[in-house]
């Protein structure tokens, strides 16, 4: 195999990793799965509402931070840039959850949002207090897979394949270590799953 072939193969693998990182981004997964759950329980409007709180607002905060040069990239790869963003996402998610409860939204949507909030708190503790850059990509992917499996069908556990692929992409791109993506996935799956069961 020539140097050119090796370079082309490396470029292809890098491209696959970048695509997987974008597809598996927390804001993307949150938007898609919120709408899916909302539609499945006959509450599409609430699904869209949760998608805005858990996906649109967080991504908007990231883009605003980038515009003000407080965040370097849309995956927030620098640890110190994550602390303030986590606070914004916690506030948006908490506001959404309070609205769901007060408005008597379907219990599945309340449980989904609450599980996400509790998982976010757990990840925030690891990130901001212990200062370890746990993977939100794998945490969200694993968490929503487990919650959708509990809420809709065990077939949603197939989403854990995306968790593995997303984790690989994060490590390949040098954004996380194997430990960080593994702990993120385990924390997301357990925290979200247990929270959803206790609430719903």
Protein backbone atom coordinates (compact mmCIF):
# COMPACT_ATOMS: atom_id res chain seq x y z
CA UNK A 1 0.00 0.00 0.00
CA UNK A 2 1.47 3.35 -1.06
CA UNK A 3 1.65 6.50 1.07
CA UNK A 4 -1.09 7.95 -1.14
CA UNK A 5 -3.35 4.98 -0.42
CA UNK A 6 -2.68 5.25 3.30
CA UNK A 7 -3.42 8.97 3.22
CA UNK A 8 -6.66 8.45 1.30
CA UNK A 9 -7.77 5.74 3.70
CA UNK A 10 -6.97 7.93 6.68
CA UNK A 11 -8.94 10.81 5.16
CA UNK A 12 -11.95 8.54 4.61
CA UNK A 13 -11.85 7.29 8.19
CA UNK A 14 -11.54 10.86 9.46
CA UNK A 15 -14.55 11.88 7.36
CA UNK A 16 -16.63 9.00 8.76
CA UNK A 17 -15.64 10.01 12.29
CA UNK A 18 -16.63 13.63 11.68
CA UNK A 19 -20.00 12.61 10.23
CA UNK A 20 -20.71 10.31 13.17
CA UNK A 21 -19.77 13.06 15.61
CA UNK A 22 -22.23 15.44 13.95
CA UNK A 23 -25.06 12.90 13.72
CA UNK A 24 -24.49 11.82 17.31
CA UNK A 25 -24.31 15.34 18.72
CA UNK A 26 -26.43 15.73 21.89
CA UNK A 27 -28.56 18.53 20.47
CA UNK A 28 -29.36 16.48 17.36
CA UNK A 29 -30.29 13.38 19.34
CA UNK A 30 -32.38 15.37 21.80
CA UNK A 31 -34.38 17.06 19.05
CA UNK A 32 -35.02 13.87 17.09
CA UNK A 33 -35.91 11.65 20.04
CA UNK A 34 -38.12 14.27 21.72
CA UNK A 35 -40.21 14.55 18.58
CA UNK A 36 -40.31 10.75 18.14
CA UNK A 37 -41.52 10.19 21.70
CA UNK A 38 -44.03 13.01 21.49
CA UNK A 39 -45.50 11.62 18.27
CA UNK A 40 -45.55 8.08 19.68
CA UNK A 41 -47.58 9.08 22.74
CA UNK A 42 -49.94 11.31 20.76
CA UNK A 43 -48.41 14.56 21.98
CA UNK A 44 -46.35 15.87 19.08
CA UNK A 45 -46.67 19.44 20.30
CA UNK A 46 -45.08 18.55 23.61
CA UNK A 47 -42.41 16.62 21.75
CA UNK A 48 -41.53 19.74 19.79
CA UNK A 49 -41.55 21.80 23.00
CA UNK A 50 -39.09 19.42 24.68
CA UNK A 51 -36.97 19.41 21.51
CA UNK A 52 -36.68 23.19 21.76
CA UNK A 53 -35.71 23.08 25.44
CA UNK A 54 -33.28 20.17 25.15
CA UNK A 55 -31.86 20.76 21.69
CA UNK A 56 -32.56 24.09 20.04
CA UNK A 57 -31.82 26.33 23.04
CA UNK A 58 -28.57 24.51 23.98
CA UNK A 59 -27.30 24.73 20.39
CA UNK A 60 -28.34 28.38 20.24
CA UNK A 61 -26.34 29.04 23.41
CA UNK A 62 -23.32 27.32 21.87
CA UNK A 63 -23.55 29.38 18.67
CA UNK A 64 -23.92 32.57 20.71
CA UNK A 65 -20.88 31.62 22.76
CA UNK A 66 -18.90 31.00 19.57
CA UNK A 67 -19.97 34.36 18.16
CA UNK A 68 -18.75 36.07 21.33
CA UNK A 69 -15.51 34.03 21.21
CA UNK A 70 -16.29 32.33 24.53
CA UNK A 71 -16.63 28.90 22.92
CA UNK A 72 -14.12 27.62 20.40
CA UNK A 73 -16.22 25.09 18.48
CA UNK A 74 -19.77 23.75 18.39
CA UNK A 75 -18.82 20.54 20.21
CA UNK A 76 -17.31 22.57 23.07
CA UNK A 77 -14.18 20.44 23.20
CA UNK A 78 -12.40 22.65 25.76
CA UNK A 79 -13.30 21.68 29.33
CA UNK A 80 -13.33 25.20 30.79
CA UNK A 81 -15.81 26.35 28.14
CA UNK A 82 -18.35 23.79 29.29
CA UNK A 83 -19.15 25.10 32.78
CA UNK A 84 -21.24 28.17 31.89
CA UNK A 85 -22.92 26.28 29.05
CA UNK A 86 -23.99 23.51 31.42
CA UNK A 87 -25.70 26.12 33.62
CA UNK A 88 -27.62 27.49 30.62
CA UNK A 89 -28.73 24.01 29.57
CA UNK A 90 -29.76 23.15 33.15
CA UNK A 91 -31.90 26.30 33.30
CA UNK A 92 -33.53 25.61 29.92
CA UNK A 93 -34.27 22.00 30.80
CA UNK A 94 -35.56 22.88 34.26
CA UNK A 95 -37.84 25.53 32.80
CA UNK A 96 -39.15 23.02 30.30
CA UNK A 97 -39.76 20.42 32.98
CA UNK A 98 -41.64 22.85 35.20
CA UNK A 99 -43.82 23.84 32.24
CA UNK A 100 -44.56 20.18 31.46
CA UNK A 101 -45.58 19.45 35.05
CA UNK A 102 -47.70 22.58 35.50
CA UNK A 103 -49.45 22.06 32.16
CA UNK A 104 -50.11 18.40 32.96
CA UNK A 105 -48.23 17.11 29.92
CA UNK A 106 -48.12 13.36 29.23
CA UNK A 107 -46.18 11.49 31.89
CA UNK A 108 -43.85 10.02 29.29
CA UNK A 109 -42.71 13.50 28.26
CA UNK A 110 -42.30 14.54 31.88
CA UNK A 111 -40.27 11.42 32.60
CA UNK A 112 -38.16 11.84 29.46
CA UNK A 113 -37.30 15.44 30.33
CA UNK A 114 -36.71 14.73 34.01
CA UNK A 115 -34.43 11.80 33.16
CA UNK A 116 -32.45 14.05 30.85
CA UNK A 117 -32.18 16.74 33.52
CA UNK A 118 -31.01 14.31 36.21
CA UNK A 119 -28.47 12.81 33.83
CA UNK A 120 -27.23 16.29 32.97
CA UNK A 121 -26.78 17.08 36.65
CA UNK A 122 -24.75 13.88 37.12
CA UNK A 123 -22.58 14.70 34.10
CA UNK A 124 -22.18 18.28 35.32
CA UNK A 125 -20.83 17.04 38.64
CA UNK A 126 -18.20 14.94 36.87
CA UNK A 127 -17.35 17.76 34.46
CA UNK A 128 -17.33 20.83 36.70
CA UNK A 129 -16.54 19.49 40.15
CA UNK A 130 -14.17 16.65 39.29
CA UNK A 131 -12.98 18.50 36.15
CA UNK A 132 -13.04 15.45 33.91
CA UNK A 133 -14.33 15.90 30.37
CA UNK A 134 -16.95 13.17 30.31
CA UNK A 135 -18.54 12.56 26.91
CA UNK A 136 -21.97 14.14 26.55
CA UNK A 137 -22.24 12.52 23.11
CA UNK A 138 -22.25 9.00 24.52
CA UNK A 139 -24.15 9.97 27.65
CA UNK A 140 -27.09 11.38 25.70
CA UNK A 141 -27.07 8.62 23.09
CA UNK A 142 -27.10 5.85 25.69
CA UNK A 143 -29.58 7.64 27.94
CA UNK A 144 -32.23 8.26 25.29
CA UNK A 145 -31.84 4.73 23.92
CA UNK A 146 -32.65 3.27 27.32
CA UNK A 147 -35.51 5.69 28.00
CA UNK A 148 -37.13 5.09 24.60
CA UNK A 149 -36.77 1.34 25.17
CA UNK A 150 -38.62 1.71 28.47
CA UNK A 151 -41.24 4.09 27.10
CA UNK A 152 -41.90 2.55 23.69
CA UNK A 153 -40.18 -0.71 22.76
CA UNK A 154 -37.04 -2.71 23.65
CA UNK A 155 -36.08 -2.36 19.98
CA UNK A 156 -34.87 1.15 20.80
CA UNK A 157 -31.91 -0.43 22.58
CA UNK A 158 -30.52 -0.81 19.07
CA UNK A 159 -29.71 2.87 19.46
CA UNK A 160 -26.81 1.79 21.64
CA UNK A 161 -25.02 0.97 18.39
CA UNK A 162 -24.97 4.71 17.70
CA UNK A 163 -23.55 5.21 21.18
CA UNK A 164 -20.63 2.94 20.35
CA UNK A 165 -20.05 4.57 16.95
CA UNK A 166 -20.30 8.04 18.44
CA UNK A 167 -17.84 7.08 21.16
CA UNK A 168 -15.41 5.76 18.57
CA UNK A 169 -15.65 8.99 16.60
CA UNK A 170 -14.96 11.13 19.66
CA UNK A 171 -11.87 9.11 20.52
CA UNK A 172 -10.68 8.99 16.91
CA UNK A 173 -10.92 12.78 16.65
CA UNK A 174 -8.98 13.15 19.92
CA UNK A 175 -11.85 14.91 21.66
CA UNK A 176 -12.15 12.27 24.41
CA UNK A 177 -10.38 9.29 25.86
CA UNK A 178 -11.82 5.78 25.83
CA UNK A 179 -12.51 6.17 29.54
CA UNK A 180 -14.44 9.39 29.05
CA UNK A 181 -16.73 7.97 26.36
CA UNK A 182 -17.25 4.74 28.32
CA UNK A 183 -18.11 6.48 31.58
CA UNK A 184 -20.37 8.88 29.68
CA UNK A 185 -22.32 6.00 28.15
CA UNK A 186 -22.63 4.04 31.39
CA UNK A 187 -23.61 7.12 33.40
CA UNK A 188 -26.17 8.16 30.79
CA UNK A 189 -27.76 4.74 30.47
CA UNK A 190 -28.03 4.05 34.20
CA UNK A 191 -28.99 7.53 35.38
CA UNK A 192 -31.58 8.16 32.66
CA UNK A 193 -33.03 4.66 32.86
CA UNK A 194 -33.39 4.60 36.63
CA UNK A 195 -34.75 8.15 36.72
CA UNK A 196 -37.38 7.40 34.09
CA UNK A 197 -38.54 4.24 35.86
CA UNK A 198 -38.82 6.02 39.23
CA UNK A 199 -40.72 8.96 37.75
CA UNK A 200 -43.03 7.15 35.33
